[in-house]
Amino acid sequence: MFSKVFLAQTSREMEEFQPERTAYMACHFSPYSTGLSNTPQKIPENSILLLDDSTPVQGHDPNVVAEQLEELVKRFSVSAVLLDFQREENEDIWEMTSYILKALQMRFLKM
């Protein structure tokens, strides 16, 4: 049995329908910089933030990505970050995942 159900939505979908619990989707690695793109401008408090790999990790800076995620978590009181990586595994994605997990755990376990 589910204790909490979150509806995954894009920012456009959130404009039309605001469920009690939502997960912001479509935040991904930027094709033009070393960080993230399509980050939310507004999401409900206690939402889940989904980071996908629709743009592959190639030359992205793990520290920049972790700092952007940290800022979003703090600004919107995000309850969880979900890494929705579906591309074939490779060294870049393993390194990015490891760095993000360590960085966010270190930063938010202190709070």
N, C-alpha and C. Protein backbone atom coordinates (compact mmCIF):
# COMPACT_ATOMS: atom_id res chain seq x y z
N MET A 1 0.85 -1.18 0.00
CA MET A 1 0.00 0.00 0.00
C MET A 1 0.89 1.24 0.00
N PHE A 2 0.49 2.25 -0.76
CA PHE A 2 1.23 3.50 -0.85
C PHE A 2 0.87 4.40 0.32
N SER A 3 1.88 5.01 0.90
CA SER A 3 1.59 5.98 1.95
C SER A 3 1.53 7.39 1.37
N LYS A 4 2.31 7.63 0.30
CA LYS A 4 2.29 8.93 -0.38
C LYS A 4 2.40 8.69 -1.87
N VAL A 5 1.56 9.36 -2.63
CA VAL A 5 1.59 9.26 -4.08
C VAL A 5 1.89 10.66 -4.63
N PHE A 6 2.87 10.74 -5.52
CA PHE A 6 3.26 11.99 -6.14
C PHE A 6 2.95 11.90 -7.64
N LEU A 7 2.39 12.96 -8.20
CA LEU A 7 2.11 13.02 -9.63
C LEU A 7 3.25 13.77 -10.30
N ALA A 8 3.96 13.11 -11.22
CA ALA A 8 5.07 13.74 -11.95
C ALA A 8 4.48 14.63 -13.05
N GLN A 9 4.93 15.90 -13.06
CA GLN A 9 4.40 16.87 -14.00
C GLN A 9 5.49 17.82 -14.48
N THR A 10 5.29 18.37 -15.68
CA THR A 10 6.14 19.45 -16.15
C THR A 10 5.60 20.76 -15.58
N SER A 11 6.35 21.83 -15.73
CA SER A 11 5.88 23.12 -15.21
C SER A 11 4.59 23.56 -15.89
N ARG A 12 4.46 23.27 -17.16
CA ARG A 12 3.22 23.63 -17.88
C ARG A 12 2.02 22.87 -17.32
N GLU A 13 2.21 21.60 -17.05
CA GLU A 13 1.11 20.81 -16.47
C GLU A 13 0.74 21.31 -15.08
N MET A 14 1.74 21.79 -14.32
CA MET A 14 1.48 22.31 -12.98
C MET A 14 0.64 23.57 -13.02
N GLU A 15 0.73 24.33 -14.12
CA GLU A 15 -0.10 25.53 -14.26
C GLU A 15 -1.58 25.18 -14.33
N GLU A 16 -1.88 24.02 -14.90
CA GLU A 16 -3.27 23.62 -15.10
C GLU A 16 -3.85 22.80 -13.95
N PHE A 17 -3.00 22.05 -13.27
CA PHE A 17 -3.49 21.15 -12.22
C PHE A 17 -2.45 21.04 -11.12
N GLN A 18 -2.84 21.34 -9.91
CA GLN A 18 -1.93 21.27 -8.78
C GLN A 18 -2.40 20.21 -7.79
N PRO A 19 -1.84 19.00 -7.90
CA PRO A 19 -2.20 17.96 -6.93
C PRO A 19 -1.56 18.27 -5.57
N GLU A 20 -1.99 17.55 -4.57
CA GLU A 20 -1.45 17.76 -3.23
C GLU A 20 0.06 17.48 -3.20
N ARG A 21 0.47 16.43 -3.90
CA ARG A 21 1.88 16.06 -3.94
C ARG A 21 2.32 15.97 -5.41
N THR A 22 3.39 16.67 -5.73
CA THR A 22 3.83 16.67 -7.12
C THR A 22 5.33 16.43 -7.22
N ALA A 23 5.74 15.96 -8.38
CA ALA A 23 7.14 15.74 -8.69
C ALA A 23 7.44 16.51 -9.97
N TYR A 24 8.38 17.44 -9.89
CA TYR A 24 8.73 18.26 -11.06
C TYR A 24 9.63 17.45 -11.97
N MET A 25 9.19 17.28 -13.22
CA MET A 25 10.02 16.51 -14.15
C MET A 25 10.49 17.39 -15.30
N ALA A 26 11.53 16.91 -15.91
CA ALA A 26 12.13 17.52 -17.09
C ALA A 26 13.28 18.46 -16.76
N CYS A 27 13.81 18.39 -15.59
CA CYS A 27 15.07 19.07 -15.28
C CYS A 27 16.17 18.14 -15.81
N HIS A 28 17.09 18.67 -16.60
CA HIS A 28 18.10 17.79 -17.18
C HIS A 28 19.44 18.50 -17.36
N PHE A 29 20.42 17.77 -17.81
CA PHE A 29 21.75 18.33 -18.05
C PHE A 29 21.66 19.26 -19.25
N SER A 30 22.29 20.41 -19.12
CA SER A 30 22.21 21.42 -20.17
C SER A 30 23.01 21.03 -21.41
N PRO A 31 22.44 21.25 -22.58
CA PRO A 31 23.22 21.02 -23.80
C PRO A 31 24.18 22.18 -24.09
N TYR A 32 24.08 23.29 -23.32
CA TYR A 32 24.85 24.50 -23.61
C TYR A 32 25.81 24.93 -22.49
N SER A 33 25.76 24.25 -21.36
CA SER A 33 26.63 24.63 -20.26
C SER A 33 27.06 23.38 -19.50
N THR A 34 27.80 23.56 -18.41
CA THR A 34 28.27 22.42 -17.63
C THR A 34 27.33 22.06 -16.49
N GLY A 35 26.17 22.73 -16.44
CA GLY A 35 25.21 22.49 -15.36
C GLY A 35 23.90 21.93 -15.85
N LEU A 36 22.80 22.43 -15.25
CA LEU A 36 21.45 21.93 -15.53
C LEU A 36 20.66 22.93 -16.35
N SER A 37 19.63 22.44 -17.01
CA SER A 37 18.69 23.31 -17.71
C SER A 37 17.27 22.86 -17.37
N ASN A 38 16.34 23.72 -17.75
CA ASN A 38 14.92 23.49 -17.48
C ASN A 38 14.65 23.29 -15.98
N THR A 39 15.35 24.06 -15.18
CA THR A 39 15.12 24.00 -13.74
C THR A 39 13.82 24.74 -13.42
N PRO A 40 13.14 24.34 -12.38
CA PRO A 40 11.84 24.96 -12.06
C PRO A 40 11.99 26.41 -11.61
N GLN A 41 11.03 27.21 -12.01
CA GLN A 41 10.95 28.61 -11.55
C GLN A 41 10.05 28.70 -10.32
N LYS A 42 9.17 27.71 -10.21
CA LYS A 42 8.23 27.67 -9.08
C LYS A 42 7.69 26.25 -8.98
N ILE A 43 7.76 25.66 -7.80
CA ILE A 43 7.13 24.37 -7.54
C ILE A 43 6.62 24.37 -6.10
N PRO A 44 5.59 23.60 -5.83
CA PRO A 44 5.06 23.56 -4.47
C PRO A 44 6.08 23.01 -3.47
N GLU A 45 6.01 23.50 -2.25
CA GLU A 45 6.85 23.02 -1.17
C GLU A 45 6.65 21.51 -0.99
N ASN A 46 7.72 20.82 -0.63
CA ASN A 46 7.72 19.37 -0.39
C ASN A 46 7.54 18.54 -1.65
N SER A 47 7.75 19.13 -2.81
CA SER A 47 7.70 18.38 -4.05
C SER A 47 8.95 17.52 -4.20
N ILE A 48 8.93 16.64 -5.18
CA ILE A 48 10.10 15.87 -5.56
C ILE A 48 10.66 16.51 -6.82
N LEU A 49 11.97 16.61 -6.92
CA LEU A 49 12.63 17.15 -8.10
C LEU A 49 13.26 15.99 -8.87
N LEU A 50 12.84 15.80 -10.11
CA LEU A 50 13.39 14.73 -10.95
C LEU A 50 14.47 15.32 -11.87
N LEU A 51 15.62 14.69 -11.89
CA LEU A 51 16.70 15.05 -12.81
C LEU A 51 16.85 13.88 -13.78
N ASP A 52 16.64 14.16 -15.08
CA ASP A 52 16.75 13.09 -16.07
C ASP A 52 18.02 13.24 -16.92
N ASP A 53 18.30 12.23 -17.69
CA ASP A 53 19.48 12.26 -18.56
C ASP A 53 19.06 12.28 -20.04
N SER A 54 17.96 13.00 -20.34
CA SER A 54 17.55 13.12 -21.73
C SER A 54 18.64 13.80 -22.55
N THR A 55 19.40 14.68 -21.92
CA THR A 55 20.65 15.18 -22.49
C THR A 55 21.75 14.40 -21.78
N PRO A 56 22.60 13.70 -22.52
CA PRO A 56 23.61 12.87 -21.85
C PRO A 56 24.65 13.69 -21.08
N VAL A 57 25.20 13.08 -20.06
CA VAL A 57 26.28 13.69 -19.30
C VAL A 57 27.54 13.65 -20.16
N GLN A 58 28.01 14.82 -20.56
CA GLN A 58 29.22 14.93 -21.37
C GLN A 58 29.89 16.25 -21.04
N GLY A 59 30.90 16.20 -20.22
CA GLY A 59 31.61 17.42 -19.86
C GLY A 59 30.90 18.28 -18.83
N HIS A 60 29.86 17.77 -18.21
CA HIS A 60 29.16 18.52 -17.17
C HIS A 60 29.97 18.47 -15.88
N ASP A 61 29.92 19.55 -15.14
CA ASP A 61 30.69 19.70 -13.91
C ASP A 61 29.85 19.20 -12.73
N PRO A 62 30.26 18.10 -12.09
CA PRO A 62 29.48 17.56 -10.97
C PRO A 62 29.26 18.56 -9.85
N ASN A 63 30.25 19.41 -9.58
CA ASN A 63 30.10 20.40 -8.52
C ASN A 63 29.04 21.44 -8.88
N VAL A 64 29.03 21.90 -10.12
CA VAL A 64 28.02 22.86 -10.57
C VAL A 64 26.63 22.24 -10.47
N VAL A 65 26.50 21.01 -10.93
CA VAL A 65 25.21 20.31 -10.88
C VAL A 65 24.74 20.16 -9.43
N ALA A 66 25.62 19.72 -8.55
CA ALA A 66 25.26 19.54 -7.14
C ALA A 66 24.88 20.86 -6.49
N GLU A 67 25.60 21.94 -6.82
CA GLU A 67 25.27 23.26 -6.26
C GLU A 67 23.90 23.73 -6.75
N GLN A 68 23.60 23.50 -8.04
CA GLN A 68 22.29 23.88 -8.56
C GLN A 68 21.18 23.08 -7.87
N LEU A 69 21.39 21.79 -7.70
CA LEU A 69 20.39 20.96 -7.02
C LEU A 69 20.20 21.43 -5.58
N GLU A 70 21.30 21.71 -4.89
CA GLU A 70 21.21 22.18 -3.51
C GLU A 70 20.40 23.47 -3.42
N GLU A 71 20.65 24.39 -4.34
CA GLU A 71 19.94 25.66 -4.34
C GLU A 71 18.44 25.45 -4.56
N LEU A 72 18.08 24.55 -5.48
CA LEU A 72 16.68 24.25 -5.74
C LEU A 72 16.01 23.59 -4.54
N VAL A 73 16.72 22.66 -3.91
CA VAL A 73 16.18 21.99 -2.72
C VAL A 73 15.88 23.01 -1.62
N LYS A 74 16.82 23.93 -1.41
CA LYS A 74 16.62 24.93 -0.36
C LYS A 74 15.53 25.93 -0.73
N ARG A 75 15.56 26.44 -1.96
CA ARG A 75 14.61 27.49 -2.38
C ARG A 75 13.17 27.00 -2.33
N PHE A 76 12.94 25.76 -2.74
CA PHE A 76 11.57 25.25 -2.82
C PHE A 76 11.22 24.24 -1.74
N SER A 77 12.08 24.03 -0.77
CA SER A 77 11.86 23.04 0.29
C SER A 77 11.49 21.69 -0.32
N VAL A 78 12.29 21.27 -1.28
CA VAL A 78 12.08 19.99 -1.97
C VAL A 78 12.26 18.86 -0.98
N SER A 79 11.38 17.87 -1.04
CA SER A 79 11.46 16.75 -0.08
C SER A 79 12.39 15.65 -0.56
N ALA A 80 12.63 15.56 -1.89
CA ALA A 80 13.51 14.51 -2.41
C ALA A 80 13.99 14.89 -3.81
N VAL A 81 15.15 14.36 -4.16
CA VAL A 81 15.68 14.48 -5.51
C VAL A 81 15.72 13.07 -6.09
N LEU A 82 15.09 12.89 -7.25
CA LEU A 82 15.05 11.59 -7.90
C LEU A 82 15.90 11.66 -9.17
N LEU A 83 16.90 10.79 -9.26
CA LEU A 83 17.74 10.74 -10.45
C LEU A 83 17.12 9.73 -11.41
N ASP A 84 16.54 10.24 -12.48
CA ASP A 84 15.83 9.42 -13.47
C ASP A 84 16.74 9.20 -14.68
N PHE A 85 17.80 8.40 -14.47
CA PHE A 85 18.78 8.16 -15.52
C PHE A 85 18.43 6.86 -16.23
N GLN A 86 18.19 6.96 -17.53
CA GLN A 86 17.76 5.81 -18.30
C GLN A 86 18.69 5.45 -19.45
N ARG A 87 19.69 6.26 -19.69
CA ARG A 87 20.63 5.95 -20.76
C ARG A 87 21.53 4.79 -20.34
N GLU A 88 22.20 4.23 -21.31
CA GLU A 88 23.13 3.14 -21.03
C GLU A 88 24.20 3.62 -20.04
N GLU A 89 24.52 2.77 -19.10
CA GLU A 89 25.51 3.13 -18.09
C GLU A 89 26.86 3.38 -18.73
N ASN A 90 27.55 4.40 -18.19
CA ASN A 90 28.92 4.68 -18.61
C ASN A 90 29.65 5.36 -17.47
N GLU A 91 30.92 5.56 -17.63
CA GLU A 91 31.76 6.13 -16.56
C GLU A 91 31.29 7.53 -16.16
N ASP A 92 30.90 8.36 -17.13
CA ASP A 92 30.47 9.72 -16.84
C ASP A 92 29.24 9.75 -15.93
N ILE A 93 28.26 8.91 -16.24
CA ILE A 93 27.03 8.92 -15.44
C ILE A 93 27.28 8.34 -14.04
N TRP A 94 28.16 7.34 -13.94
CA TRP A 94 28.51 6.80 -12.63
C TRP A 94 29.21 7.85 -11.77
N GLU A 95 30.14 8.57 -12.37
CA GLU A 95 30.85 9.62 -11.62
C GLU A 95 29.90 10.73 -11.19
N MET A 96 29.02 11.14 -12.10
CA MET A 96 28.05 12.20 -11.77
C MET A 96 27.12 11.75 -10.66
N THR A 97 26.59 10.55 -10.78
CA THR A 97 25.67 10.03 -9.76
C THR A 97 26.34 9.95 -8.40
N SER A 98 27.53 9.41 -8.38
CA SER A 98 28.27 9.28 -7.12
C SER A 98 28.52 10.65 -6.49
N TYR A 99 28.92 11.60 -7.30
CA TYR A 99 29.21 12.94 -6.78
C TYR A 99 27.94 13.60 -6.24
N ILE A 100 26.86 13.54 -7.01
CA ILE A 100 25.60 14.15 -6.57
C ILE A 100 25.15 13.55 -5.24
N LEU A 101 25.17 12.22 -5.13
CA LEU A 101 24.73 11.57 -3.90
C LEU A 101 25.58 11.99 -2.71
N LYS A 102 26.88 11.96 -2.88
CA LYS A 102 27.77 12.34 -1.78
C LYS A 102 27.59 13.81 -1.41
N ALA A 103 27.52 14.68 -2.41
CA ALA A 103 27.41 16.11 -2.15
C ALA A 103 26.11 16.46 -1.44
N LEU A 104 25.00 15.93 -1.93
CA LEU A 104 23.72 16.26 -1.30
C LEU A 104 23.60 15.65 0.08
N GLN A 105 24.10 14.45 0.26
CA GLN A 105 24.06 13.84 1.60
C GLN A 105 24.89 14.65 2.57
N MET A 106 26.08 15.06 2.15
CA MET A 106 26.96 15.86 3.03
C MET A 106 26.30 17.19 3.38
N ARG A 107 25.70 17.83 2.40
CA ARG A 107 25.12 19.16 2.61
C ARG A 107 23.85 19.12 3.42
N PHE A 108 23.02 18.08 3.24
CA PHE A 108 21.71 18.09 3.91
C PHE A 108 21.67 17.24 5.17
N LEU A 109 22.63 16.40 5.40
CA LEU A 109 22.67 15.70 6.68
C LEU A 109 23.09 16.65 7.79
N LYS A 110 23.77 17.74 7.42
CA LYS A 110 24.20 18.74 8.39
C LYS A 110 23.05 19.62 8.86
N MET A 111 21.97 19.67 8.07
CA MET A 111 20.86 20.60 8.38
C MET A 111 20.03 20.09 9.54
